[in-house]
Amino acid sequence: MFHSEDCPGRVLYRHVASRWAGLIVLQLWPGPLRFHRLRDALPGISEKVLAQNLRELVRDGLVDREVEPTRPPQVTYSLTPLGGELAARVHGLLTWVGDHAPEVLAARERHDRAS
């Protein structure tokens, strides 16, 4: 499936497996957030990088962007049903990582001692 360079799945995979996309959808999983609340929930992300990632997630149909007609405009982001499904899978992956991190770290230590 992902063997071909022109496979559309590769583009989507690069988006959802990027450094921030999974963490963004997990933050939106419980419910909608405004841009600055989302930024504050993700230490280390710049506003520029957050905006770029949100643009891609909206374009991919994973996140909805709602602009409220206020001065200044307030923008709220929420997951689409497809984005909710992705968030559930990312949560499963991160749960696995959390459950098995001690084993992986122990394996690394054994490997490094043997090398």
PDB file of N, CA and C in Angstrom:
ATOM      1  N   MET A   1       0.815  -1.186   0.000  1.00  0.00           N
ATOM      2  CA  MET A   1       0.000   0.000   0.000  1.00  0.00           C
ATOM      3  C   MET A   1       0.864   1.258   0.000  1.00  0.00           C
ATOM      4  N   PHE A   2       1.842   1.361   0.911  1.00  0.00           N
ATOM      5  CA  PHE A   2       2.662   2.559   1.001  1.00  0.00           C
ATOM      6  C   PHE A   2       3.988   2.416   0.251  1.00  0.00           C
ATOM      7  N   HIS A   3       4.114   1.379  -0.563  1.00  0.00           N
ATOM      8  CA  HIS A   3       5.378   1.140  -1.258  1.00  0.00           C
ATOM      9  C   HIS A   3       5.614   2.144  -2.370  1.00  0.00           C
ATOM     10  N   SER A   4       4.568   2.587  -3.001  1.00  0.00           N
ATOM     11  CA  SER A   4       4.691   3.490  -4.133  1.00  0.00           C
ATOM     12  C   SER A   4       4.867   4.929  -3.655  1.00  0.00           C
ATOM     13  N   GLU A   5       5.774   5.652  -4.307  1.00  0.00           N
ATOM     14  CA  GLU A   5       6.023   7.054  -3.950  1.00  0.00           C
ATOM     15  C   GLU A   5       4.790   7.921  -4.140  1.00  0.00           C
ATOM     16  N   ASP A   6       3.958   7.593  -5.136  1.00  0.00           N
ATOM     17  CA  ASP A   6       2.787   8.432  -5.428  1.00  0.00           C
ATOM     18  C   ASP A   6       1.522   7.952  -4.718  1.00  0.00           C
ATOM     19  N   CYS A   7       1.665   7.094  -3.740  1.00  0.00           N
ATOM     20  CA  CYS A   7       0.524   6.593  -2.982  1.00  0.00           C
ATOM     21  C   CYS A   7      -0.069   7.731  -2.145  1.00  0.00           C
ATOM     22  N   PRO A   8      -1.373   8.026  -2.304  1.00  0.00           N
ATOM     23  CA  PRO A   8      -1.983   9.096  -1.517  1.00  0.00           C
ATOM     24  C   PRO A   8      -1.925   8.832  -0.010  1.00  0.00           C
ATOM     25  N   GLY A   9      -1.863   7.581   0.366  1.00  0.00           N
ATOM     26  CA  GLY A   9      -1.775   7.243   1.781  1.00  0.00           C
ATOM     27  C   GLY A   9      -0.496   7.746   2.427  1.00  0.00           C
ATOM     28  N   ARG A  10       0.576   7.842   1.649  1.00  0.00           N
ATOM     29  CA  ARG A  10       1.841   8.343   2.197  1.00  0.00           C
ATOM     30  C   ARG A  10       1.721   9.795   2.645  1.00  0.00           C
ATOM     31  N   VAL A  11       1.021  10.602   1.850  1.00  0.00           N
ATOM     32  CA  VAL A  11       0.838  12.011   2.202  1.00  0.00           C
ATOM     33  C   VAL A  11       0.048  12.112   3.500  1.00  0.00           C
ATOM     34  N   LEU A  12      -1.043  11.374   3.584  1.00  0.00           N
ATOM     35  CA  LEU A  12      -1.852  11.404   4.800  1.00  0.00           C
ATOM     36  C   LEU A  12      -1.048  10.891   5.988  1.00  0.00           C
ATOM     37  N   TYR A  13      -0.305   9.818   5.789  1.00  0.00           N
ATOM     38  CA  TYR A  13       0.512   9.281   6.874  1.00  0.00           C
ATOM     39  C   TYR A  13       1.508  10.322   7.381  1.00  0.00           C
ATOM     40  N   ARG A  14       2.153  11.045   6.459  1.00  0.00           N
ATOM     41  CA  ARG A  14       3.103  12.083   6.875  1.00  0.00           C
ATOM     42  C   ARG A  14       2.402  13.152   7.715  1.00  0.00           C
ATOM     43  N   HIS A  15       1.149  13.481   7.364  1.00  0.00           N
ATOM     44  CA  HIS A  15       0.411  14.482   8.143  1.00  0.00           C
ATOM     45  C   HIS A  15       0.086  13.963   9.532  1.00  0.00           C
ATOM     46  N   VAL A  16      -0.519  12.787   9.615  1.00  0.00           N
ATOM     47  CA  VAL A  16      -1.003  12.306  10.915  1.00  0.00           C
ATOM     48  C   VAL A  16       0.117  11.770  11.794  1.00  0.00           C
ATOM     49  N   ALA A  17       1.254  11.413  11.197  1.00  0.00           N
ATOM     50  CA  ALA A  17       2.377  10.889  11.983  1.00  0.00           C
ATOM     51  C   ALA A  17       3.428  11.966  12.236  1.00  0.00           C
ATOM     52  N   SER A  18       3.096  13.204  11.931  1.00  0.00           N
ATOM     53  CA  SER A  18       4.056  14.286  12.161  1.00  0.00           C
ATOM     54  C   SER A  18       4.265  14.486  13.658  1.00  0.00           C
ATOM     55  N   ARG A  19       5.214  15.305  13.982  1.00  0.00           N
ATOM     56  CA  ARG A  19       5.564  15.523  15.390  1.00  0.00           C
ATOM     57  C   ARG A  19       4.377  16.003  16.222  1.00  0.00           C
ATOM     58  N   TRP A  20       3.512  16.852  15.656  1.00  0.00           N
ATOM     59  CA  TRP A  20       2.467  17.489  16.444  1.00  0.00           C
ATOM     60  C   TRP A  20       1.056  17.024  16.172  1.00  0.00           C
ATOM     61  N   ALA A  21       0.758  16.477  15.002  1.00  0.00           N
ATOM     62  CA  ALA A  21      -0.629  16.185  14.622  1.00  0.00           C
ATOM     63  C   ALA A  21      -1.336  15.268  15.616  1.00  0.00           C
ATOM     64  N   GLY A  22      -0.682  14.200  16.031  1.00  0.00           N
ATOM     65  CA  GLY A  22      -1.309  13.275  16.979  1.00  0.00           C
ATOM     66  C   GLY A  22      -1.617  13.932  18.302  1.00  0.00           C
ATOM     67  N   LEU A  23      -0.699  14.786  18.761  1.00  0.00           N
ATOM     68  CA  LEU A  23      -0.926  15.479  20.023  1.00  0.00           C
ATOM     69  C   LEU A  23      -2.042  16.515  19.904  1.00  0.00           C
ATOM     70  N   ILE A  24      -2.151  17.141  18.745  1.00  0.00           N
ATOM     71  CA  ILE A  24      -3.231  18.111  18.518  1.00  0.00           C
ATOM     72  C   ILE A  24      -4.580  17.415  18.556  1.00  0.00           C
ATOM     73  N   VAL A  25      -4.706  16.295  17.834  1.00  0.00           N
ATOM     74  CA  VAL A  25      -6.019  15.620  17.822  1.00  0.00           C
ATOM     75  C   VAL A  25      -6.353  15.069  19.206  1.00  0.00           C
ATOM     76  N   LEU A  26      -5.357  14.652  19.972  1.00  0.00           N
ATOM     77  CA  LEU A  26      -5.641  14.180  21.330  1.00  0.00           C
ATOM     78  C   LEU A  26      -6.137  15.316  22.219  1.00  0.00           C
ATOM     79  N   GLN A  27      -5.588  16.505  22.048  1.00  0.00           N
ATOM     80  CA  GLN A  27      -6.058  17.644  22.837  1.00  0.00           C
ATOM     81  C   GLN A  27      -7.488  18.025  22.463  1.00  0.00           C
ATOM     82  N   LEU A  28      -7.860  17.823  21.212  1.00  0.00           N
ATOM     83  CA  LEU A  28      -9.211  18.164  20.755  1.00  0.00           C
ATOM     84  C   LEU A  28     -10.221  17.048  21.013  1.00  0.00           C
ATOM     85  N   TRP A  29      -9.748  15.875  21.379  1.00  0.00           N
ATOM     86  CA  TRP A  29     -10.633  14.723  21.556  1.00  0.00           C
ATOM     87  C   TRP A  29     -11.725  14.969  22.590  1.00  0.00           C
ATOM     88  N   PRO A  30     -11.413  15.556  23.754  1.00  0.00           N
ATOM     89  CA  PRO A  30     -12.485  15.778  24.736  1.00  0.00           C
ATOM     90  C   PRO A  30     -13.511  16.821  24.290  1.00  0.00           C
ATOM     91  N   GLY A  31     -13.099  17.737  23.417  1.00  0.00           N
ATOM     92  CA  GLY A  31     -14.038  18.755  22.967  1.00  0.00           C
ATOM     93  C   GLY A  31     -13.324  19.920  22.312  1.00  0.00           C
ATOM     94  N   PRO A  32     -14.100  20.849  21.741  1.00  0.00           N
ATOM     95  CA  PRO A  32     -13.533  21.979  21.001  1.00  0.00           C
ATOM     96  C   PRO A  32     -12.656  22.866  21.878  1.00  0.00           C
ATOM     97  N   LEU A  33     -11.657  23.485  21.231  1.00  0.00           N
ATOM     98  CA  LEU A  33     -10.767  24.422  21.909  1.00  0.00           C
ATOM     99  C   LEU A  33     -10.487  25.603  20.989  1.00  0.00           C
ATOM    100  N   ARG A  34     -10.318  26.745  21.604  1.00  0.00           N
ATOM    101  CA  ARG A  34      -9.859  27.910  20.853  1.00  0.00           C
ATOM    102  C   ARG A  34      -8.357  27.780  20.645  1.00  0.00           C
ATOM    103  N   PHE A  35      -7.871  28.524  19.664  1.00  0.00           N
ATOM    104  CA  PHE A  35      -6.473  28.419  19.245  1.00  0.00           C
ATOM    105  C   PHE A  35      -5.509  28.562  20.430  1.00  0.00           C
ATOM    106  N   HIS A  36      -5.666  29.601  21.221  1.00  0.00           N
ATOM    107  CA  HIS A  36      -4.696  29.844  22.296  1.00  0.00           C
ATOM    108  C   HIS A  36      -4.781  28.796  23.411  1.00  0.00           C
ATOM    109  N   ARG A  37      -5.954  28.284  23.672  1.00  0.00           N
ATOM    110  CA  ARG A  37      -6.063  27.202  24.673  1.00  0.00           C
ATOM    111  C   ARG A  37      -5.344  25.957  24.161  1.00  0.00           C
ATOM    112  N   LEU A  38      -5.498  25.696  22.870  1.00  0.00           N
ATOM    113  CA  LEU A  38      -4.820  24.554  22.258  1.00  0.00           C
ATOM    114  C   LEU A  38      -3.308  24.754  22.310  1.00  0.00           C
ATOM    115  N   ARG A  39      -2.858  25.942  21.977  1.00  0.00           N
ATOM    116  CA  ARG A  39      -1.418  26.242  22.028  1.00  0.00           C
ATOM    117  C   ARG A  39      -0.880  26.063  23.441  1.00  0.00           C
ATOM    118  N   ASP A  40      -1.614  26.559  24.428  1.00  0.00           N
ATOM    119  CA  ASP A  40      -1.161  26.455  25.816  1.00  0.00           C
ATOM    120  C   ASP A  40      -1.128  25.006  26.308  1.00  0.00           C
ATOM    121  N   ALA A  41      -1.945  24.154  25.715  1.00  0.00           N
ATOM    122  CA  ALA A  41      -1.991  22.740  26.110  1.00  0.00           C
ATOM    123  C   ALA A  41      -0.855  21.928  25.488  1.00  0.00           C
ATOM    124  N   LEU A  42      -0.103  22.544  24.568  1.00  0.00           N
ATOM    125  CA  LEU A  42       0.973  21.843  23.864  1.00  0.00           C
ATOM    126  C   LEU A  42       2.294  22.583  24.065  1.00  0.00           C
ATOM    127  N   PRO A  43       2.924  22.421  25.232  1.00  0.00           N
ATOM    128  CA  PRO A  43       4.184  23.121  25.479  1.00  0.00           C
ATOM    129  C   PRO A  43       5.215  22.794  24.391  1.00  0.00           C
ATOM    130  N   GLY A  44       5.887  23.842  23.931  1.00  0.00           N
ATOM    131  CA  GLY A  44       6.934  23.639  22.935  1.00  0.00           C
ATOM    132  C   GLY A  44       6.497  23.909  21.508  1.00  0.00           C
ATOM    133  N   ILE A  45       5.196  24.042  21.258  1.00  0.00           N
ATOM    134  CA  ILE A  45       4.745  24.311  19.893  1.00  0.00           C
ATOM    135  C   ILE A  45       4.628  25.821  19.702  1.00  0.00           C
ATOM    136  N   SER A  46       5.101  26.297  18.566  1.00  0.00           N
ATOM    137  CA  SER A  46       4.969  27.722  18.270  1.00  0.00           C
ATOM    138  C   SER A  46       3.606  27.979  17.633  1.00  0.00           C
ATOM    139  N   GLU A  47       3.176  29.216  17.666  1.00  0.00           N
ATOM    140  CA  GLU A  47       1.900  29.550  17.032  1.00  0.00           C
ATOM    141  C   GLU A  47       1.945  29.240  15.540  1.00  0.00           C
ATOM    142  N   LYS A  48       3.076  29.515  14.904  1.00  0.00           N
ATOM    143  CA  LYS A  48       3.220  29.259  13.467  1.00  0.00           C
ATOM    144  C   LYS A  48       3.063  27.768  13.153  1.00  0.00           C
ATOM    145  N   VAL A  49       3.741  26.933  13.919  1.00  0.00           N
ATOM    146  CA  VAL A  49       3.677  25.477  13.685  1.00  0.00           C
ATOM    147  C   VAL A  49       2.283  24.953  13.996  1.00  0.00           C
ATOM    148  N   LEU A  50       1.661  25.450  15.053  1.00  0.00           N
ATOM    149  CA  LEU A  50       0.292  25.032  15.369  1.00  0.00           C
ATOM    150  C   LEU A  50      -0.647  25.414  14.237  1.00  0.00           C
ATOM    151  N   ALA A  51      -0.535  26.641  13.747  1.00  0.00           N
ATOM    152  CA  ALA A  51      -1.398  27.096  12.653  1.00  0.00           C
ATOM    153  C   ALA A  51      -1.192  26.242  11.403  1.00  0.00           C
ATOM    154  N   GLN A  52       0.059  25.923  11.071  1.00  0.00           N
ATOM    155  CA  GLN A  52       0.347  25.088   9.899  1.00  0.00           C
ATOM    156  C   GLN A  52      -0.275  23.701  10.046  1.00  0.00           C
ATOM    157  N   ASN A  53      -0.108  23.107  11.230  1.00  0.00           N
ATOM    158  CA  ASN A  53      -0.664  21.771  11.466  1.00  0.00           C
ATOM    159  C   ASN A  53      -2.180  21.791  11.423  1.00  0.00           C
ATOM    160  N   LEU A  54      -2.783  22.792  12.027  1.00  0.00           N
ATOM    161  CA  LEU A  54      -4.245  22.888  12.005  1.00  0.00           C
ATOM    162  C   LEU A  54      -4.766  23.059  10.580  1.00  0.00           C
ATOM    163  N   ARG A  55      -4.063  23.870   9.779  1.00  0.00           N
ATOM    164  CA  ARG A  55      -4.466  24.027   8.368  1.00  0.00           C
ATOM    165  C   ARG A  55      -4.484  22.680   7.647  1.00  0.00           C
ATOM    166  N   GLU A  56      -3.443  21.883   7.854  1.00  0.00           N
ATOM    167  CA  GLU A  56      -3.368  20.567   7.211  1.00  0.00           C
ATOM    168  C   GLU A  56      -4.466  19.631   7.732  1.00  0.00           C
ATOM    169  N   LEU A  57      -4.691  19.642   9.038  1.00  0.00           N
ATOM    170  CA  LEU A  57      -5.719  18.770   9.615  1.00  0.00           C
ATOM    171  C   LEU A  57      -7.113  19.173   9.151  1.00  0.00           C
ATOM    172  N   VAL A  58      -7.349  20.472   8.999  1.00  0.00           N
ATOM    173  CA  VAL A  58      -8.633  20.941   8.452  1.00  0.00           C
ATOM    174  C   VAL A  58      -8.747  20.501   6.998  1.00  0.00           C
ATOM    175  N   ARG A  59      -7.693  20.702   6.239  1.00  0.00           N
ATOM    176  CA  ARG A  59      -7.687  20.315   4.814  1.00  0.00           C
ATOM    177  C   ARG A  59      -7.929  18.815   4.634  1.00  0.00           C
ATOM    178  N   ASP A  60      -7.390  18.015   5.552  1.00  0.00           N
ATOM    179  CA  ASP A  60      -7.554  16.558   5.478  1.00  0.00           C
ATOM    180  C   ASP A  60      -8.918  16.088   5.996  1.00  0.00           C
ATOM    181  N   GLY A  61      -9.731  17.010   6.500  1.00  0.00           N
ATOM    182  CA  GLY A  61     -11.061  16.632   6.981  1.00  0.00           C
ATOM    183  C   GLY A  61     -11.056  16.022   8.372  1.00  0.00           C
ATOM    184  N   LEU A  62      -9.997  16.241   9.132  1.00  0.00           N
ATOM    185  CA  LEU A  62      -9.882  15.672  10.476  1.00  0.00           C
ATOM    186  C   LEU A  62     -10.298  16.652  11.561  1.00  0.00           C
ATOM    187  N   VAL A  63     -10.200  17.943  11.255  1.00  0.00           N
ATOM    188  CA  VAL A  63     -10.520  19.000  12.206  1.00  0.00           C
ATOM    189  C   VAL A  63     -11.445  20.006  11.527  1.00  0.00           C
ATOM    190  N   ASP A  64     -12.427  20.492  12.287  1.00  0.00           N
ATOM    191  CA  ASP A  64     -13.298  21.580  11.843  1.00  0.00           C
ATOM    192  C   ASP A  64     -12.789  22.881  12.427  1.00  0.00           C
ATOM    193  N   ARG A  65     -12.899  23.944  11.652  1.00  0.00           N
ATOM    194  CA  ARG A  65     -12.500  25.286  12.088  1.00  0.00           C
ATOM    195  C   ARG A  65     -13.732  26.174  12.018  1.00  0.00           C
ATOM    196  N   GLU A  66     -14.106  26.741  13.155  1.00  0.00           N
ATOM    197  CA  GLU A  66     -15.275  27.615  13.215  1.00  0.00           C
ATOM    198  C   GLU A  66     -14.831  29.010  13.635  1.00  0.00           C
ATOM    199  N   VAL A  67     -15.149  29.994  12.788  1.00  0.00           N
ATOM    200  CA  VAL A  67     -14.809  31.378  13.081  1.00  0.00           C
ATOM    201  C   VAL A  67     -16.067  32.065  13.589  1.00  0.00           C
ATOM    202  N   GLU A  68     -15.973  32.595  14.810  1.00  0.00           N
ATOM    203  CA  GLU A  68     -17.107  33.293  15.407  1.00  0.00           C
ATOM    204  C   GLU A  68     -17.031  34.768  15.022  1.00  0.00           C
ATOM    205  N   PRO A  69     -18.163  35.349  14.605  1.00  0.00           N
ATOM    206  CA  PRO A  69     -18.156  36.738  14.126  1.00  0.00           C
ATOM    207  C   PRO A  69     -18.088  37.746  15.273  1.00  0.00           C
ATOM    208  N   THR A  70     -16.948  37.778  15.942  1.00  0.00           N
ATOM    209  CA  THR A  70     -16.725  38.729  17.028  1.00  0.00           C
ATOM    210  C   THR A  70     -15.552  39.601  16.646  1.00  0.00           C
ATOM    211  N   ARG A  71     -15.315  40.642  17.423  1.00  0.00           N
ATOM    212  CA  ARG A  71     -14.160  41.499  17.185  1.00  0.00           C
ATOM    213  C   ARG A  71     -13.231  41.381  18.373  1.00  0.00           C
ATOM    214  N   PRO A  72     -12.028  40.882  18.261  1.00  0.00           N
ATOM    215  CA  PRO A  72     -11.506  40.198  17.087  1.00  0.00           C
ATOM    216  C   PRO A  72     -12.171  38.835  16.905  1.00  0.00           C
ATOM    217  N   PRO A  73     -12.084  38.272  15.706  1.00  0.00           N
ATOM    218  CA  PRO A  73     -12.705  36.964  15.473  1.00  0.00           C
ATOM    219  C   PRO A  73     -12.117  35.901  16.402  1.00  0.00           C
ATOM    220  N   GLN A  74     -12.982  35.038  16.913  1.00  0.00           N
ATOM    221  CA  GLN A  74     -12.519  33.924  17.739  1.00  0.00           C
ATOM    222  C   GLN A  74     -12.666  32.648  16.928  1.00  0.00           C
ATOM    223  N   VAL A  75     -11.612  31.868  16.924  1.00  0.00           N
ATOM    224  CA  VAL A  75     -11.593  30.637  16.131  1.00  0.00           C
ATOM    225  C   VAL A  75     -11.580  29.451  17.079  1.00  0.00           C
ATOM    226  N   THR A  76     -12.496  28.521  16.832  1.00  0.00           N
ATOM    227  CA  THR A  76     -12.599  27.312  17.640  1.00  0.00           C
ATOM    228  C   THR A  76     -12.351  26.106  16.738  1.00  0.00           C
ATOM    229  N   TYR A  77     -11.585  25.165  17.255  1.00  0.00           N
ATOM    230  CA  TYR A  77     -11.264  23.939  16.518  1.00  0.00           C
ATOM    231  C   TYR A  77     -11.895  22.747  17.221  1.00  0.00           C
ATOM    232  N   SER A  78     -12.393  21.816  16.424  1.00  0.00           N
ATOM    233  CA  SER A  78     -12.966  20.584  16.966  1.00  0.00           C
ATOM    234  C   SER A  78     -12.680  19.452  15.987  1.00  0.00           C
ATOM    235  N   LEU A  79     -12.808  18.240  16.483  1.00  0.00           N
ATOM    236  CA  LEU A  79     -12.579  17.074  15.626  1.00  0.00           C
ATOM    237  C   LEU A  79     -13.820  16.755  14.814  1.00  0.00           C
ATOM    238  N   THR A  80     -13.597  16.329  13.590  1.00  0.00           N
ATOM    239  CA  THR A  80     -14.665  15.752  12.790  1.00  0.00           C
ATOM    240  C   THR A  80     -14.829  14.299  13.256  1.00  0.00           C
ATOM    241  N   PRO A  81     -15.862  13.600  12.821  1.00  0.00           N
ATOM    242  CA  PRO A  81     -15.953  12.172  13.172  1.00  0.00           C
ATOM    243  C   PRO A  81     -14.699  11.389  12.748  1.00  0.00           C
ATOM    244  N   LEU A  82     -14.163  11.714  11.588  1.00  0.00           N
ATOM    245  CA  LEU A  82     -12.947  11.045  11.124  1.00  0.00           C
ATOM    246  C   LEU A  82     -11.767  11.372  12.038  1.00  0.00           C
ATOM    247  N   GLY A  83     -11.671  12.629  12.462  1.00  0.00           N
ATOM    248  CA  GLY A  83     -10.619  13.031  13.391  1.00  0.00           C
ATOM    249  C   GLY A  83     -10.774  12.362  14.748  1.00  0.00           C
ATOM    250  N   GLY A  84     -12.024  12.161  15.182  1.00  0.00           N
ATOM    251  CA  GLY A  84     -12.270  11.456  16.438  1.00  0.00           C
ATOM    252  C   GLY A  84     -11.793  10.015  16.373  1.00  0.00           C
ATOM    253  N   GLU A  85     -12.007   9.388  15.224  1.00  0.00           N
ATOM    254  CA  GLU A  85     -11.518   8.014  15.043  1.00  0.00           C
ATOM    255  C   GLU A  85      -9.992   7.975  15.087  1.00  0.00           C
ATOM    256  N   LEU A  86      -9.358   8.960  14.456  1.00  0.00           N
ATOM    257  CA  LEU A  86      -7.896   9.042  14.507  1.00  0.00           C
ATOM    258  C   LEU A  86      -7.421   9.251  15.939  1.00  0.00           C
ATOM    259  N   ALA A  87      -8.078  10.143  16.677  1.00  0.00           N
ATOM    260  CA  ALA A  87      -7.682  10.414  18.067  1.00  0.00           C
ATOM    261  C   ALA A  87      -7.759   9.148  18.912  1.00  0.00           C
ATOM    262  N   ALA A  88      -8.791   8.347  18.703  1.00  0.00           N
ATOM    263  CA  ALA A  88      -8.921   7.102  19.464  1.00  0.00           C
ATOM    264  C   ALA A  88      -7.758   6.160  19.162  1.00  0.00           C
ATOM    265  N   ARG A  89      -7.336   6.121  17.915  1.00  0.00           N
ATOM    266  CA  ARG A  89      -6.216   5.238  17.552  1.00  0.00           C
ATOM    267  C   ARG A  89      -4.885   5.780  18.070  1.00  0.00           C
ATOM    268  N   VAL A  90      -4.709   7.092  18.008  1.00  0.00           N
ATOM    269  CA  VAL A  90      -3.490   7.698  18.557  1.00  0.00           C
ATOM    270  C   VAL A  90      -3.440   7.457  20.066  1.00  0.00           C
ATOM    271  N   HIS A  91      -4.589   7.578  20.722  1.00  0.00           N
ATOM    272  CA  HIS A  91      -4.652   7.318  22.164  1.00  0.00           C
ATOM    273  C   HIS A  91      -4.226   5.878  22.457  1.00  0.00           C
ATOM    274  N   GLY A  92      -4.694   4.951  21.635  1.00  0.00           N
ATOM    275  CA  GLY A  92      -4.294   3.551  21.809  1.00  0.00           C
ATOM    276  C   GLY A  92      -2.794   3.365  21.654  1.00  0.00           C
ATOM    277  N   LEU A  93      -2.217   4.022  20.672  1.00  0.00           N
ATOM    278  CA  LEU A  93      -0.770   3.928  20.460  1.00  0.00           C
ATOM    279  C   LEU A  93      -0.012   4.515  21.643  1.00  0.00           C
ATOM    280  N   LEU A  94      -0.431   5.685  22.099  1.00  0.00           N
ATOM    281  CA  LEU A  94       0.268   6.311  23.222  1.00  0.00           C
ATOM    282  C   LEU A  94       0.063   5.536  24.521  1.00  0.00           C
ATOM    283  N   THR A  95      -1.077   4.888  24.678  1.00  0.00           N
ATOM    284  CA  THR A  95      -1.294   4.025  25.835  1.00  0.00           C
ATOM    285  C   THR A  95      -0.316   2.856  25.789  1.00  0.00           C
ATOM    286  N   TRP A  96      -0.155   2.267  24.604  1.00  0.00           N
ATOM    287  CA  TRP A  96       0.808   1.173  24.446  1.00  0.00           C
ATOM    288  C   TRP A  96       2.210   1.656  24.796  1.00  0.00           C
ATOM    289  N   VAL A  97       2.591   2.822  24.298  1.00  0.00           N
ATOM    290  CA  VAL A  97       3.918   3.370  24.586  1.00  0.00           C
ATOM    291  C   VAL A  97       4.102   3.542  26.091  1.00  0.00           C
ATOM    292  N   GLY A  98       3.104   4.123  26.749  1.00  0.00           N
ATOM    293  CA  GLY A  98       3.197   4.311  28.192  1.00  0.00           C
ATOM    294  C   GLY A  98       3.287   2.998  28.947  1.00  0.00           C
ATOM    295  N   ASP A  99       2.522   2.012  28.494  1.00  0.00           N
ATOM    296  CA  ASP A  99       2.538   0.707  29.158  1.00  0.00           C
ATOM    297  C   ASP A  99       3.862  -0.021  28.991  1.00  0.00           C
ATOM    298  N   HIS A 100       4.527   0.182  27.854  1.00  0.00           N
ATOM    299  CA  HIS A 100       5.720  -0.606  27.536  1.00  0.00           C
ATOM    300  C   HIS A 100       7.021   0.190  27.577  1.00  0.00           C
ATOM    301  N   ALA A 101       6.961   1.463  27.946  1.00  0.00           N
ATOM    302  CA  ALA A 101       8.180   2.277  27.993  1.00  0.00           C
ATOM    303  C   ALA A 101       9.245   1.664  28.904  1.00  0.00           C
ATOM    304  N   PRO A 102       8.895   1.171  30.097  1.00  0.00           N
ATOM    305  CA  PRO A 102       9.945   0.579  30.946  1.00  0.00           C
ATOM    306  C   PRO A 102      10.644  -0.612  30.267  1.00  0.00           C
ATOM    307  N   GLU A 103       9.878  -1.440  29.572  1.00  0.00           N
ATOM    308  CA  GLU A 103      10.476  -2.588  28.886  1.00  0.00           C
ATOM    309  C   GLU A 103      11.417  -2.137  27.770  1.00  0.00           C
ATOM    310  N   VAL A 104      10.999  -1.132  27.025  1.00  0.00           N
ATOM    311  CA  VAL A 104      11.820  -0.630  25.926  1.00  0.00           C
ATOM    312  C   VAL A 104      13.097   0.004  26.469  1.00  0.00           C
ATOM    313  N   LEU A 105      12.959   0.793  27.525  1.00  0.00           N
ATOM    314  CA  LEU A 105      14.144   1.416  28.116  1.00  0.00           C
ATOM    315  C   LEU A 105      15.108   0.369  28.673  1.00  0.00           C
ATOM    316  N   ALA A 106      14.576  -0.689  29.269  1.00  0.00           N
ATOM    317  CA  ALA A 106      15.420  -1.770  29.779  1.00  0.00           C
ATOM    318  C   ALA A 106      16.129  -2.477  28.622  1.00  0.00           C
ATOM    319  N   ALA A 107      15.416  -2.698  27.526  1.00  0.00           N
ATOM    320  CA  ALA A 107      16.028  -3.346  26.355  1.00  0.00           C
ATOM    321  C   ALA A 107      17.144  -2.471  25.792  1.00  0.00           C
ATOM    322  N   ARG A 108      16.928  -1.172  25.738  1.00  0.00           N
ATOM    323  CA  ARG A 108      17.976  -0.257  25.264  1.00  0.00           C
ATOM    324  C   ARG A 108      19.208  -0.334  26.151  1.00  0.00           C
ATOM    325  N   GLU A 109      18.968  -0.349  27.448  1.00  0.00           N
ATOM    326  CA  GLU A 109      20.085  -0.411  28.395  1.00  0.00           C
ATOM    327  C   GLU A 109      20.878  -1.705  28.205  1.00  0.00           C
ATOM    328  N   ARG A 110      20.157  -2.830  28.063  1.00  0.00           N
ATOM    329  CA  ARG A 110      20.849  -4.117  27.828  1.00  0.00           C
ATOM    330  C   ARG A 110      21.656  -4.063  26.535  1.00  0.00           C
ATOM    331  N   HIS A 111      21.067  -3.514  25.499  1.00  0.00           N
ATOM    332  CA  HIS A 111      21.743  -3.421  24.208  1.00  0.00           C
ATOM    333  C   HIS A 111      22.996  -2.553  24.299  1.00  0.00           C
ATOM    334  N   ASP A 112      22.853  -1.408  24.945  1.00  0.00           N
ATOM    335  CA  ASP A 112      24.000  -0.488  25.050  1.00  0.00           C
ATOM    336  C   ASP A 112      25.120  -1.087  25.889  1.00  0.00           C
ATOM    337  N   ARG A 113      24.771  -1.853  26.935  1.00  0.00           N
ATOM    338  CA  ARG A 113      25.823  -2.495  27.744  1.00  0.00           C
ATOM    339  C   ARG A 113      26.543  -3.574  26.938  1.00  0.00           C
ATOM    340  N   ALA A 114      25.813  -4.263  26.069  1.00  0.00           N
ATOM    341  CA  ALA A 114      26.405  -5.351  25.293  1.00  0.00           C
ATOM    342  C   ALA A 114      27.237  -4.828  24.129  1.00  0.00           C
ATOM    343  N   SER A 115      26.989  -3.619  23.708  1.00  0.00           N
ATOM    344  CA  SER A 115      27.707  -3.067  22.538  1.00  0.00           C
ATOM    345  C   SER A 115      29.090  -2.583  22.873  1.00  0.00           C
TER     346      SER A 115
END
